[in-house]
N, C-alpha and C. Protein backbone atom coordinates (compact mmCIF):
# COMPACT_ATOMS: atom_id res chain seq x y z
N MET A 1 -171.51 52.47 54.06
CA MET A 1 -172.94 52.32 54.15
C MET A 1 -173.55 53.69 54.43
N CYS A 2 -174.67 53.96 53.80
CA CYS A 2 -175.39 55.21 54.02
C CYS A 2 -176.78 54.90 54.56
N LEU A 3 -177.26 55.78 55.41
CA LEU A 3 -178.60 55.64 55.95
C LEU A 3 -179.45 56.80 55.50
N ALA A 4 -180.70 56.52 55.17
CA ALA A 4 -181.68 57.58 54.96
C ALA A 4 -182.33 57.80 56.31
N ILE A 5 -182.25 59.01 56.82
CA ILE A 5 -182.71 59.26 58.18
C ILE A 5 -183.77 60.35 58.21
N PRO A 6 -184.66 60.30 59.21
CA PRO A 6 -185.67 61.35 59.34
C PRO A 6 -185.07 62.61 59.92
N ALA A 7 -185.56 63.75 59.44
CA ALA A 7 -185.09 65.05 59.91
C ALA A 7 -186.27 66.01 59.92
N LYS A 8 -186.21 66.98 60.83
CA LYS A 8 -187.28 67.98 60.95
C LYS A 8 -186.87 69.25 60.22
N ILE A 9 -187.76 69.76 59.38
CA ILE A 9 -187.50 71.00 58.66
C ILE A 9 -187.64 72.17 59.63
N VAL A 10 -186.58 72.97 59.74
CA VAL A 10 -186.61 74.12 60.65
C VAL A 10 -186.61 75.45 59.90
N GLU A 11 -186.25 75.42 58.62
CA GLU A 11 -186.23 76.66 57.83
C GLU A 11 -186.29 76.29 56.35
N ILE A 12 -187.04 77.07 55.58
CA ILE A 12 -187.13 76.84 54.14
C ILE A 12 -186.75 78.12 53.42
N ASP A 13 -185.91 77.95 52.38
CA ASP A 13 -185.51 79.06 51.53
C ASP A 13 -185.58 78.57 50.09
N GLY A 14 -186.70 78.83 49.44
CA GLY A 14 -186.89 78.35 48.07
C GLY A 14 -186.98 76.84 48.03
N GLU A 15 -186.09 76.21 47.26
CA GLU A 15 -186.08 74.75 47.15
C GLU A 15 -185.07 74.10 48.08
N MET A 16 -184.52 74.88 49.01
CA MET A 16 -183.57 74.36 49.98
C MET A 16 -184.14 74.53 51.38
N ALA A 17 -183.72 73.65 52.29
CA ALA A 17 -184.20 73.73 53.67
C ALA A 17 -183.09 73.39 54.63
N LYS A 18 -183.17 73.98 55.82
CA LYS A 18 -182.33 73.54 56.93
C LYS A 18 -183.16 72.52 57.68
N VAL A 19 -182.53 71.37 57.95
CA VAL A 19 -183.20 70.33 58.72
C VAL A 19 -182.35 70.02 59.94
N GLU A 20 -183.02 69.56 61.00
CA GLU A 20 -182.33 69.23 62.23
C GLU A 20 -182.38 67.72 62.45
N VAL A 21 -181.20 67.17 62.69
CA VAL A 21 -181.06 65.75 62.97
C VAL A 21 -180.19 65.61 64.20
N GLY A 22 -180.77 65.19 65.31
CA GLY A 22 -179.99 64.99 66.53
C GLY A 22 -179.24 66.21 66.98
N GLY A 23 -179.84 67.39 66.82
CA GLY A 23 -179.19 68.62 67.25
C GLY A 23 -178.24 69.22 66.22
N VAL A 24 -178.08 68.56 65.09
CA VAL A 24 -177.19 69.03 64.04
C VAL A 24 -178.02 69.55 62.88
N LEU A 25 -177.66 70.73 62.36
CA LEU A 25 -178.37 71.29 61.21
C LEU A 25 -177.67 70.89 59.92
N ARG A 26 -178.47 70.54 58.94
CA ARG A 26 -177.98 70.20 57.60
C ARG A 26 -178.82 70.96 56.59
N VAL A 27 -178.27 71.17 55.42
CA VAL A 27 -179.02 71.78 54.33
C VAL A 27 -179.35 70.70 53.32
N VAL A 28 -180.63 70.63 52.93
CA VAL A 28 -181.06 69.63 51.95
C VAL A 28 -181.93 70.28 50.87
N SER A 29 -181.96 69.66 49.74
CA SER A 29 -182.82 70.10 48.64
C SER A 29 -184.22 69.55 48.84
N LEU A 30 -185.22 70.38 48.53
CA LEU A 30 -186.62 69.97 48.59
C LEU A 30 -187.20 69.70 47.20
N MET A 31 -186.35 69.66 46.18
CA MET A 31 -186.81 69.52 44.80
C MET A 31 -187.65 68.28 44.56
N LEU A 32 -187.41 67.21 45.30
CA LEU A 32 -188.09 65.94 45.04
C LEU A 32 -189.43 65.80 45.76
N VAL A 33 -189.70 66.70 46.72
CA VAL A 33 -190.93 66.58 47.52
C VAL A 33 -191.64 67.93 47.54
N PRO A 34 -192.78 68.04 46.89
CA PRO A 34 -193.49 69.31 46.85
C PRO A 34 -194.26 69.58 48.15
N ASP A 35 -194.58 70.83 48.36
CA ASP A 35 -195.50 71.27 49.41
C ASP A 35 -195.05 70.94 50.84
N LEU A 36 -193.78 71.08 51.12
CA LEU A 36 -193.30 70.88 52.49
C LEU A 36 -193.35 72.20 53.24
N LYS A 37 -193.44 72.11 54.57
CA LYS A 37 -193.45 73.32 55.39
C LYS A 37 -192.58 73.12 56.63
N VAL A 38 -192.23 74.22 57.26
CA VAL A 38 -191.46 74.16 58.50
C VAL A 38 -192.23 73.32 59.51
N GLY A 39 -191.52 72.42 60.17
CA GLY A 39 -192.14 71.52 61.14
C GLY A 39 -192.40 70.13 60.59
N ASP A 40 -192.42 69.98 59.26
CA ASP A 40 -192.59 68.66 58.65
C ASP A 40 -191.34 67.82 58.89
N TYR A 41 -191.53 66.52 58.95
CA TYR A 41 -190.41 65.57 59.00
C TYR A 41 -190.26 64.95 57.63
N VAL A 42 -189.02 64.79 57.21
CA VAL A 42 -188.72 64.18 55.91
C VAL A 42 -187.62 63.14 56.08
N ILE A 43 -187.62 62.18 55.19
CA ILE A 43 -186.50 61.25 55.10
C ILE A 43 -185.48 61.91 54.20
N THR A 44 -184.24 62.00 54.69
CA THR A 44 -183.18 62.64 53.91
C THR A 44 -182.10 61.64 53.56
N HIS A 45 -181.48 61.87 52.42
CA HIS A 45 -180.36 61.04 51.99
C HIS A 45 -179.58 61.81 50.95
N ALA A 46 -178.28 61.86 51.12
CA ALA A 46 -177.36 62.46 50.15
C ALA A 46 -177.75 63.89 49.78
N GLY A 47 -178.21 64.65 50.78
CA GLY A 47 -178.51 66.05 50.55
C GLY A 47 -179.89 66.34 49.98
N PHE A 48 -180.75 65.34 49.93
CA PHE A 48 -182.10 65.52 49.40
C PHE A 48 -183.14 65.03 50.39
N ALA A 49 -184.26 65.74 50.45
CA ALA A 49 -185.44 65.22 51.14
C ALA A 49 -186.10 64.26 50.15
N LEU A 50 -186.33 63.02 50.57
CA LEU A 50 -186.89 62.02 49.67
C LEU A 50 -188.41 61.89 49.77
N HIS A 51 -188.93 61.98 51.00
CA HIS A 51 -190.38 61.99 51.18
C HIS A 51 -190.74 62.43 52.58
N ARG A 52 -191.97 62.89 52.73
CA ARG A 52 -192.48 63.34 54.03
C ARG A 52 -192.85 62.11 54.84
N VAL A 53 -192.62 62.18 56.17
CA VAL A 53 -193.03 61.10 57.07
C VAL A 53 -193.83 61.69 58.22
N ASP A 54 -194.69 60.87 58.75
CA ASP A 54 -195.49 61.23 59.91
C ASP A 54 -194.56 61.52 61.09
N GLU A 55 -194.91 62.52 61.90
CA GLU A 55 -194.06 62.90 63.03
C GLU A 55 -193.83 61.74 63.99
N GLN A 56 -194.88 60.99 64.31
CA GLN A 56 -194.72 59.86 65.24
C GLN A 56 -193.78 58.80 64.67
N GLU A 57 -193.91 58.52 63.37
CA GLU A 57 -193.02 57.56 62.72
C GLU A 57 -191.58 58.07 62.74
N ALA A 58 -191.40 59.36 62.45
CA ALA A 58 -190.05 59.94 62.45
C ALA A 58 -189.42 59.86 63.83
N LEU A 59 -190.18 60.23 64.86
CA LEU A 59 -189.65 60.21 66.22
C LEU A 59 -189.33 58.79 66.67
N ALA A 60 -190.16 57.83 66.28
CA ALA A 60 -189.88 56.43 66.63
C ALA A 60 -188.59 55.97 65.96
N SER A 61 -188.39 56.33 64.70
CA SER A 61 -187.16 55.96 63.99
C SER A 61 -185.94 56.61 64.63
N ILE A 62 -186.07 57.88 64.99
CA ILE A 62 -184.95 58.59 65.63
C ILE A 62 -184.60 57.91 66.95
N ASN A 63 -185.61 57.54 67.73
CA ASN A 63 -185.35 56.86 69.00
C ASN A 63 -184.67 55.51 68.80
N LEU A 64 -185.09 54.76 67.78
CA LEU A 64 -184.45 53.48 67.49
C LEU A 64 -182.99 53.67 67.09
N LEU A 65 -182.72 54.67 66.26
CA LEU A 65 -181.34 54.94 65.86
C LEU A 65 -180.50 55.35 67.07
N ARG A 66 -181.08 56.16 67.96
CA ARG A 66 -180.36 56.58 69.17
C ARG A 66 -180.03 55.36 70.04
N GLU A 67 -181.00 54.46 70.20
CA GLU A 67 -180.77 53.24 70.98
C GLU A 67 -179.68 52.38 70.35
N LEU A 68 -179.67 52.30 69.04
CA LEU A 68 -178.65 51.52 68.34
C LEU A 68 -177.26 52.11 68.59
N VAL A 69 -177.14 53.42 68.48
CA VAL A 69 -175.85 54.09 68.71
C VAL A 69 -175.39 53.85 70.14
N GLU A 70 -176.31 53.98 71.10
CA GLU A 70 -175.95 53.76 72.51
C GLU A 70 -175.53 52.31 72.75
N SER A 71 -176.22 51.38 72.12
CA SER A 71 -175.90 49.96 72.26
C SER A 71 -174.50 49.66 71.71
N VAL A 72 -174.20 50.21 70.55
CA VAL A 72 -172.87 50.00 69.94
C VAL A 72 -171.80 50.61 70.84
N ALA A 73 -172.07 51.79 71.37
CA ALA A 73 -171.09 52.44 72.26
C ALA A 73 -170.84 51.60 73.50
N ARG A 74 -171.91 51.03 74.07
CA ARG A 74 -171.74 50.17 75.25
C ARG A 74 -170.95 48.92 74.89
N ALA A 75 -171.25 48.33 73.75
CA ALA A 75 -170.55 47.12 73.32
C ALA A 75 -169.07 47.40 73.11
N GLU A 76 -168.76 48.53 72.52
CA GLU A 76 -167.36 48.89 72.28
C GLU A 76 -166.61 49.19 73.57
N SER A 77 -167.33 49.63 74.59
CA SER A 77 -166.68 49.94 75.85
C SER A 77 -166.63 48.72 76.78
N GLY A 78 -167.19 47.59 76.34
CA GLY A 78 -167.15 46.37 77.13
C GLY A 78 -168.28 46.23 78.11
N GLU A 79 -169.27 47.13 78.08
CA GLU A 79 -170.38 47.05 79.01
C GLU A 79 -171.37 45.95 78.68
N VAL A 80 -171.49 45.60 77.41
CA VAL A 80 -172.43 44.56 77.01
C VAL A 80 -171.70 43.23 77.02
N ARG A 81 -172.25 42.27 77.74
CA ARG A 81 -171.62 40.95 77.83
C ARG A 81 -172.64 39.89 77.46
N GLY A 82 -172.19 38.85 76.86
CA GLY A 82 -173.07 37.71 76.54
C GLY A 82 -173.44 36.94 77.78
N ASN A 83 -174.36 36.03 77.63
CA ASN A 83 -174.74 35.17 78.76
C ASN A 83 -173.57 34.25 79.10
N ASP A 84 -173.17 34.25 80.35
CA ASP A 84 -172.04 33.41 80.79
C ASP A 84 -172.54 32.06 81.23
């Protein structure tokens, strides 16, 4: 399964950009989305920026993904229990 995730553009070099996702830098193509600038948030998938997203929407999505990862980690460690 693949997820399209929001990322913040931190550097642009022609049609390529470095984006930051959860503290990790990735390189993506900007060919599909014109007129992007450093500081914009984009949805990325398979090495491409697919479209620009509002910063608040991007941050909300990032927070939801973080909560999901934390929830899965707790469940795998046995911290999450059903109603007894």
